[in-house]
Amino acid sequence: MSPDSAVPPLTVAIDPPTLTRREEQVLYWCSFGKTSWEISQILDCKESTVNFHVGNVLRKLSVHSRVAAVIKALRYGILSHQSSVS
């Protein structure tokens, strides 16, 4: 087999998942280590609502923890421009 006939590795462009504005806000505050209760106070909503959004973020990013979600969001560039989401 010659080098010219070698098949290049398959490159798949993976688009980042689409998060709602509120999910981005919750993820932003998670990146600072805020608890659900603290985020609920910052965003003026119920703690259960924050947990609902966290669950959506975890599902959309296919991860099992907030830390993993933040890391994956940074890799996707989702959090890189979030300095004024609050």
Protein backbone atom coordinates (compact mmCIF):
# COMPACT_ATOMS: atom_id res chain seq x y z
CA MET A 1 0.00 0.00 0.00
CA SER A 2 1.54 3.32 -1.03
CA PRO A 3 1.31 6.45 1.12
CA ASP A 4 -0.83 8.08 -1.58
CA SER A 5 -3.52 5.43 -1.19
CA ALA A 6 -3.74 5.79 2.58
CA VAL A 7 -7.05 7.09 3.80
CA PRO A 8 -6.73 10.20 5.98
CA PRO A 9 -8.29 10.00 9.44
CA LEU A 10 -11.94 10.91 9.53
CA THR A 11 -12.47 14.38 10.93
CA VAL A 12 -15.92 15.13 12.23
CA ALA A 13 -16.92 18.69 12.96
CA ILE A 14 -18.86 18.64 16.20
CA ASP A 15 -21.05 21.65 16.74
CA PRO A 16 -21.47 22.76 20.33
CA PRO A 17 -24.92 22.15 21.77
CA THR A 18 -27.28 25.08 21.89
CA LEU A 19 -27.99 26.33 25.40
CA THR A 20 -30.72 28.76 26.31
CA ARG A 21 -29.74 32.12 27.74
CA ARG A 22 -30.80 30.98 31.20
CA GLU A 23 -28.83 27.74 30.91
CA GLU A 24 -25.77 29.78 29.95
CA GLN A 25 -26.32 32.03 32.97
CA VAL A 26 -26.61 29.05 35.31
CA LEU A 27 -23.51 27.43 33.78
CA TYR A 28 -21.61 30.70 34.13
CA TRP A 29 -22.30 30.83 37.86
CA CYS A 30 -21.50 27.11 38.17
CA SER A 31 -18.09 27.97 36.74
CA PHE A 32 -17.52 30.11 39.84
CA GLY A 33 -18.45 27.21 42.11
CA LYS A 34 -21.79 28.68 43.16
CA THR A 35 -24.37 26.33 44.67
CA SER A 36 -27.88 26.03 43.31
CA TRP A 37 -29.16 28.10 46.22
CA GLU A 38 -26.59 30.84 45.59
CA ILE A 39 -27.42 30.90 41.87
CA SER A 40 -31.12 31.11 42.70
CA GLN A 41 -30.45 34.18 44.83
CA ILE A 42 -28.33 35.79 42.08
CA LEU A 43 -30.85 35.09 39.31
CA ASP A 44 -33.91 35.68 41.52
CA CYS A 45 -35.57 32.33 40.94
CA LYS A 46 -36.26 29.12 42.84
CA GLU A 47 -33.49 26.66 43.66
CA SER A 48 -35.51 23.94 41.93
CA THR A 49 -35.52 26.03 38.75
CA VAL A 50 -31.73 26.28 38.88
CA ASN A 51 -31.52 22.51 39.32
CA PHE A 52 -33.83 22.08 36.32
CA HIS A 53 -31.48 24.19 34.17
CA VAL A 54 -28.40 22.39 35.50
CA GLY A 55 -30.00 19.09 34.51
CA ASN A 56 -30.65 20.39 31.01
CA VAL A 57 -27.05 21.59 30.70
CA LEU A 58 -25.68 18.24 31.87
CA ARG A 59 -27.88 16.40 29.39
CA LYS A 60 -27.06 18.69 26.47
CA LEU A 61 -23.32 18.47 27.15
CA SER A 62 -23.50 14.70 27.82
CA VAL A 63 -21.74 14.92 31.19
CA HIS A 64 -22.51 13.82 34.74
CA SER A 65 -21.27 16.74 36.85
CA ARG A 66 -21.16 20.51 36.94
CA VAL A 67 -17.37 20.49 36.83
CA ALA A 68 -17.40 18.35 33.69
CA ALA A 69 -20.03 20.67 32.17
CA VAL A 70 -17.88 23.73 32.81
CA ILE A 71 -14.80 22.05 31.33
CA LYS A 72 -16.70 20.92 28.24
CA ALA A 73 -18.31 24.34 27.83
CA LEU A 74 -14.87 25.96 27.96
CA ARG A 75 -13.65 23.56 25.27
CA TYR A 76 -16.65 24.40 23.09
CA GLY A 77 -16.13 28.11 23.72
CA ILE A 78 -19.54 28.49 25.32
CA LEU A 79 -18.17 30.21 28.44
CA SER A 80 -15.39 32.23 26.82
CA HIS A 81 -17.62 35.28 26.21
CA GLN A 82 -19.87 35.09 29.25
CA SER A 83 -18.43 37.89 31.37
CA SER A 84 -21.68 39.90 31.28
CA VAL A 85 -24.46 37.30 31.44
CA SER A 86 -25.94 38.28 34.78
